[in-house]
Amino acid sequence: MPSSEHPCPLSHIEMVDAWFLEHRAKVLDLAAFLDRLDRAEDAASDDFRVAALHAAIAILIDGQGDRARRIQMLLSDQTTEPIDAAPMQGAFGAPPEVEPE
């Protein structure tokens, strides 16, 4: 595990004991969502949001640190220029063109 200048005050086992089941459920929820997408009639293989999830999963398992920041940046719109009008109310949750790290 990479070291950090801001170490966690809890031990590894304390963190696992406290939050493993919560995050296990989140992983299962994501797996179920991807399975449902696979079974959908119009499989969303070219949807940029699904591509962003796949890129985020790759970051989760790449063995490098700073995963939360890297995934947040991956899923964030990096443009700095304002747009004339929003295409809709709300947000997509991922930029239309996700660039894998």
N, C-alpha and C. Protein backbone atom coordinates (compact mmCIF):
# COMPACT_ATOMS: atom_id res chain seq x y z
N MET A 1 0.84 -1.18 0.00
CA MET A 1 0.00 0.00 0.00
C MET A 1 0.88 1.24 0.00
N PRO A 2 0.50 2.23 -0.79
CA PRO A 2 1.26 3.47 -0.78
C PRO A 2 1.11 4.18 0.55
N SER A 3 2.20 4.80 1.01
CA SER A 3 2.11 5.55 2.26
C SER A 3 1.54 6.93 1.94
N SER A 4 1.09 7.59 2.97
CA SER A 4 0.48 8.89 2.79
C SER A 4 1.01 9.85 3.83
N GLU A 5 1.04 11.13 3.48
CA GLU A 5 1.44 12.11 4.48
C GLU A 5 0.33 12.35 5.48
N HIS A 6 -0.88 11.82 5.19
CA HIS A 6 -2.03 11.93 6.10
C HIS A 6 -2.52 10.52 6.42
N PRO A 7 -1.84 9.81 7.31
CA PRO A 7 -2.25 8.44 7.59
C PRO A 7 -3.61 8.38 8.28
N CYS A 8 -4.29 7.28 8.07
CA CYS A 8 -5.59 7.06 8.69
C CYS A 8 -5.38 6.75 10.18
N PRO A 9 -6.20 7.32 11.05
CA PRO A 9 -6.03 7.05 12.48
C PRO A 9 -6.43 5.63 12.88
N LEU A 10 -7.13 4.91 12.01
CA LEU A 10 -7.53 3.54 12.31
C LEU A 10 -6.56 2.55 11.69
N SER A 11 -6.48 1.39 12.29
CA SER A 11 -5.65 0.34 11.70
C SER A 11 -6.40 -0.29 10.53
N HIS A 12 -5.67 -1.05 9.75
CA HIS A 12 -6.24 -1.75 8.60
C HIS A 12 -7.43 -2.62 9.04
N ILE A 13 -7.23 -3.42 10.07
CA ILE A 13 -8.30 -4.33 10.52
C ILE A 13 -9.48 -3.55 11.09
N GLU A 14 -9.22 -2.43 11.77
CA GLU A 14 -10.33 -1.61 12.29
C GLU A 14 -11.18 -1.06 11.14
N MET A 15 -10.52 -0.63 10.08
CA MET A 15 -11.27 -0.12 8.93
C MET A 15 -12.07 -1.22 8.26
N VAL A 16 -11.46 -2.39 8.08
CA VAL A 16 -12.18 -3.51 7.46
C VAL A 16 -13.36 -3.91 8.33
N ASP A 17 -13.14 -4.02 9.63
CA ASP A 17 -14.23 -4.38 10.54
C ASP A 17 -15.38 -3.37 10.47
N ALA A 18 -15.05 -2.10 10.35
CA ALA A 18 -16.07 -1.06 10.38
C ALA A 18 -16.83 -0.92 9.06
N TRP A 19 -16.14 -1.08 7.92
CA TRP A 19 -16.77 -0.69 6.66
C TRP A 19 -16.79 -1.75 5.56
N PHE A 20 -16.29 -2.94 5.82
CA PHE A 20 -16.25 -3.94 4.75
C PHE A 20 -17.64 -4.26 4.21
N LEU A 21 -18.60 -4.54 5.08
CA LEU A 21 -19.93 -4.93 4.60
C LEU A 21 -20.61 -3.83 3.80
N GLU A 22 -20.43 -2.59 4.21
CA GLU A 22 -21.00 -1.46 3.47
C GLU A 22 -20.44 -1.41 2.04
N HIS A 23 -19.14 -1.57 1.92
CA HIS A 23 -18.52 -1.46 0.59
C HIS A 23 -18.69 -2.73 -0.22
N ARG A 24 -18.83 -3.85 0.44
CA ARG A 24 -19.18 -5.09 -0.25
C ARG A 24 -20.52 -4.92 -0.96
N ALA A 25 -21.49 -4.32 -0.27
CA ALA A 25 -22.81 -4.09 -0.85
C ALA A 25 -22.72 -3.14 -2.05
N LYS A 26 -21.87 -2.13 -1.96
CA LYS A 26 -21.72 -1.19 -3.08
C LYS A 26 -21.13 -1.88 -4.31
N VAL A 27 -20.15 -2.75 -4.09
CA VAL A 27 -19.55 -3.50 -5.21
C VAL A 27 -20.59 -4.41 -5.84
N LEU A 28 -21.38 -5.10 -5.02
CA LEU A 28 -22.44 -5.97 -5.55
C LEU A 28 -23.49 -5.16 -6.31
N ASP A 29 -23.82 -3.99 -5.81
CA ASP A 29 -24.78 -3.13 -6.49
C ASP A 29 -24.26 -2.71 -7.87
N LEU A 30 -23.00 -2.33 -7.94
CA LEU A 30 -22.40 -1.96 -9.22
C LEU A 30 -22.36 -3.15 -10.17
N ALA A 31 -22.01 -4.32 -9.66
CA ALA A 31 -21.99 -5.53 -10.50
C ALA A 31 -23.38 -5.84 -11.04
N ALA A 32 -24.40 -5.71 -10.19
CA ALA A 32 -25.77 -5.97 -10.63
C ALA A 32 -26.20 -4.96 -11.69
N PHE A 33 -25.82 -3.70 -11.53
CA PHE A 33 -26.14 -2.67 -12.52
C PHE A 33 -25.51 -3.02 -13.87
N LEU A 34 -24.24 -3.40 -13.86
CA LEU A 34 -23.56 -3.76 -15.11
C LEU A 34 -24.18 -5.00 -15.74
N ASP A 35 -24.58 -5.97 -14.91
CA ASP A 35 -25.27 -7.16 -15.44
C ASP A 35 -26.59 -6.79 -16.11
N ARG A 36 -27.34 -5.89 -15.48
CA ARG A 36 -28.61 -5.45 -16.08
C ARG A 36 -28.37 -4.74 -17.40
N LEU A 37 -27.33 -3.93 -17.47
CA LEU A 37 -26.99 -3.27 -18.74
C LEU A 37 -26.69 -4.30 -19.82
N ASP A 38 -25.94 -5.34 -19.45
CA ASP A 38 -25.60 -6.40 -20.42
C ASP A 38 -26.85 -7.08 -20.95
N ARG A 39 -27.87 -7.23 -20.09
CA ARG A 39 -29.09 -7.92 -20.50
C ARG A 39 -30.09 -7.02 -21.21
N ALA A 40 -29.86 -5.73 -21.20
CA ALA A 40 -30.80 -4.79 -21.83
C ALA A 40 -30.84 -5.02 -23.34
N GLU A 41 -32.03 -4.84 -23.93
CA GLU A 41 -32.20 -5.05 -25.37
C GLU A 41 -31.25 -4.18 -26.18
N ASP A 42 -31.13 -2.95 -25.81
CA ASP A 42 -30.27 -2.02 -26.54
C ASP A 42 -28.98 -1.80 -25.75
N ALA A 43 -28.19 -2.84 -25.60
CA ALA A 43 -26.98 -2.80 -24.78
C ALA A 43 -26.24 -1.48 -24.97
N ALA A 44 -25.95 -0.82 -23.86
CA ALA A 44 -25.38 0.53 -23.88
C ALA A 44 -23.86 0.51 -23.96
N SER A 45 -23.31 -0.32 -24.81
CA SER A 45 -21.86 -0.44 -24.87
C SER A 45 -21.17 0.84 -25.34
N ASP A 46 -21.89 1.71 -26.05
CA ASP A 46 -21.27 2.93 -26.53
C ASP A 46 -21.68 4.16 -25.71
N ASP A 47 -22.35 3.97 -24.60
CA ASP A 47 -22.76 5.10 -23.76
C ASP A 47 -21.54 5.61 -22.99
N PHE A 48 -21.29 6.91 -23.09
CA PHE A 48 -20.10 7.49 -22.46
C PHE A 48 -20.12 7.34 -20.94
N ARG A 49 -21.29 7.28 -20.33
CA ARG A 49 -21.35 7.13 -18.88
C ARG A 49 -20.92 5.73 -18.45
N VAL A 50 -21.31 4.73 -19.25
CA VAL A 50 -20.88 3.35 -18.96
C VAL A 50 -19.38 3.23 -19.19
N ALA A 51 -18.89 3.86 -20.25
CA ALA A 51 -17.45 3.86 -20.51
C ALA A 51 -16.70 4.51 -19.34
N ALA A 52 -17.28 5.57 -18.77
CA ALA A 52 -16.67 6.23 -17.62
C ALA A 52 -16.62 5.29 -16.41
N LEU A 53 -17.69 4.52 -16.19
CA LEU A 53 -17.67 3.55 -15.09
C LEU A 53 -16.59 2.50 -15.30
N HIS A 54 -16.45 2.02 -16.51
CA HIS A 54 -15.42 1.02 -16.81
C HIS A 54 -14.02 1.61 -16.56
N ALA A 55 -13.82 2.86 -16.97
CA ALA A 55 -12.53 3.52 -16.73
C ALA A 55 -12.29 3.71 -15.24
N ALA A 56 -13.34 4.03 -14.48
CA ALA A 56 -13.21 4.19 -13.04
C ALA A 56 -12.86 2.86 -12.37
N ILE A 57 -13.46 1.79 -12.83
CA ILE A 57 -13.15 0.46 -12.28
C ILE A 57 -11.69 0.11 -12.54
N ALA A 58 -11.19 0.47 -13.72
CA ALA A 58 -9.78 0.21 -14.03
C ALA A 58 -8.87 0.95 -13.05
N ILE A 59 -9.24 2.17 -12.68
CA ILE A 59 -8.46 2.91 -11.69
C ILE A 59 -8.53 2.21 -10.33
N LEU A 60 -9.71 1.71 -9.97
CA LEU A 60 -9.86 1.03 -8.67
C LEU A 60 -8.90 -0.13 -8.52
N ILE A 61 -8.62 -0.83 -9.60
CA ILE A 61 -7.83 -2.06 -9.49
C ILE A 61 -6.40 -1.91 -10.02
N ASP A 62 -5.95 -0.68 -10.32
CA ASP A 62 -4.62 -0.52 -10.90
C ASP A 62 -3.48 -0.58 -9.88
N GLY A 63 -3.81 -0.66 -8.59
CA GLY A 63 -2.79 -0.80 -7.57
C GLY A 63 -2.10 0.50 -7.18
N GLN A 64 -2.49 1.60 -7.77
CA GLN A 64 -1.89 2.89 -7.44
C GLN A 64 -2.76 3.61 -6.41
N GLY A 65 -2.18 4.54 -5.72
CA GLY A 65 -2.92 5.29 -4.72
C GLY A 65 -3.70 6.45 -5.31
N ASP A 66 -4.26 7.26 -4.45
CA ASP A 66 -4.98 8.47 -4.83
C ASP A 66 -6.17 8.16 -5.73
N ARG A 67 -6.79 7.00 -5.51
CA ARG A 67 -7.89 6.55 -6.38
C ARG A 67 -9.08 7.49 -6.35
N ALA A 68 -9.47 7.96 -5.18
CA ALA A 68 -10.65 8.82 -5.10
C ALA A 68 -10.46 10.10 -5.92
N ARG A 69 -9.30 10.73 -5.80
CA ARG A 69 -9.04 11.94 -6.57
C ARG A 69 -9.01 11.65 -8.06
N ARG A 70 -8.35 10.58 -8.45
CA ARG A 70 -8.24 10.26 -9.88
C ARG A 70 -9.60 9.93 -10.49
N ILE A 71 -10.44 9.22 -9.75
CA ILE A 71 -11.78 8.90 -10.27
C ILE A 71 -12.64 10.16 -10.29
N GLN A 72 -12.53 11.00 -9.27
CA GLN A 72 -13.29 12.26 -9.27
C GLN A 72 -12.92 13.10 -10.48
N MET A 73 -11.64 13.17 -10.80
CA MET A 73 -11.21 13.95 -11.96
C MET A 73 -11.67 13.30 -13.26
N LEU A 74 -11.64 11.99 -13.32
CA LEU A 74 -12.11 11.27 -14.51
C LEU A 74 -13.58 11.56 -14.78
N LEU A 75 -14.37 11.62 -13.72
CA LEU A 75 -15.81 11.81 -13.86
C LEU A 75 -16.22 13.29 -13.85
N SER A 76 -15.25 14.19 -13.83
CA SER A 76 -15.54 15.62 -13.78
C SER A 76 -15.30 16.27 -15.13
N ASP A 77 -16.12 17.24 -15.45
CA ASP A 77 -15.95 18.02 -16.67
C ASP A 77 -14.78 18.97 -16.45
N GLN A 78 -13.73 18.84 -17.24
CA GLN A 78 -12.52 19.65 -17.07
C GLN A 78 -12.54 20.94 -17.89
N THR A 79 -13.62 21.19 -18.63
CA THR A 79 -13.66 22.39 -19.45
C THR A 79 -13.71 23.63 -18.56
N THR A 80 -13.10 24.69 -19.05
CA THR A 80 -13.07 25.93 -18.28
C THR A 80 -13.88 27.04 -18.94
N GLU A 81 -14.26 26.83 -20.18
CA GLU A 81 -15.05 27.83 -20.90
C GLU A 81 -16.54 27.64 -20.61
N PRO A 82 -17.26 28.72 -20.35
CA PRO A 82 -18.70 28.58 -20.12
C PRO A 82 -19.43 28.21 -21.41
N ILE A 83 -20.57 27.56 -21.26
CA ILE A 83 -21.38 27.23 -22.43
C ILE A 83 -22.53 28.23 -22.51
N ASP A 84 -23.08 28.39 -23.71
CA ASP A 84 -24.17 29.35 -23.90
C ASP A 84 -25.42 28.94 -23.14
N ALA A 85 -25.74 27.65 -23.22
CA ALA A 85 -26.95 27.15 -22.55
C ALA A 85 -26.75 25.68 -22.22
N ALA A 86 -27.25 25.28 -21.08
CA ALA A 86 -27.17 23.88 -20.69
C ALA A 86 -28.09 23.05 -21.57
N PRO A 87 -27.66 21.84 -21.98
CA PRO A 87 -28.51 21.01 -22.82
C PRO A 87 -29.71 20.44 -22.08
N MET A 88 -29.65 20.48 -20.76
CA MET A 88 -30.74 19.94 -19.94
C MET A 88 -30.55 20.44 -18.52
N GLN A 89 -31.55 20.23 -17.69
CA GLN A 89 -31.41 20.56 -16.28
C GLN A 89 -30.76 19.37 -15.60
N GLY A 90 -29.77 19.61 -14.78
CA GLY A 90 -29.08 18.52 -14.11
C GLY A 90 -27.74 18.25 -14.75
N ALA A 91 -27.19 17.09 -14.45
CA ALA A 91 -25.86 16.74 -14.94
C ALA A 91 -25.85 15.30 -15.43
N PHE A 92 -24.86 14.99 -16.26
CA PHE A 92 -24.72 13.63 -16.77
C PHE A 92 -23.96 12.74 -15.78
N GLY A 93 -23.09 13.29 -14.97
CA GLY A 93 -22.31 12.50 -14.02
C GLY A 93 -20.96 12.08 -14.55
N ALA A 94 -20.71 12.35 -15.83
CA ALA A 94 -19.43 12.06 -16.45
C ALA A 94 -19.33 12.92 -17.70
N PRO A 95 -18.13 13.36 -18.04
CA PRO A 95 -18.01 14.14 -19.27
C PRO A 95 -18.22 13.24 -20.49
N PRO A 96 -18.76 13.80 -21.57
CA PRO A 96 -19.07 12.98 -22.75
C PRO A 96 -17.87 12.22 -23.33
N GLU A 97 -16.68 12.75 -23.19
CA GLU A 97 -15.50 12.06 -23.72
C GLU A 97 -14.54 11.78 -22.58
N VAL A 98 -14.64 10.57 -22.02
CA VAL A 98 -13.78 10.18 -20.90
C VAL A 98 -12.45 9.70 -21.46
N GLU A 99 -11.38 10.27 -20.93
CA GLU A 99 -10.03 9.86 -21.31
C GLU A 99 -9.48 8.97 -20.20
N PRO A 100 -9.25 7.68 -20.47
CA PRO A 100 -8.66 6.82 -19.44
C PRO A 100 -7.29 7.33 -19.03
N GLU A 101 -6.95 7.15 -17.75
CA GLU A 101 -5.64 7.59 -17.26
C GLU A 101 -4.53 6.76 -17.84
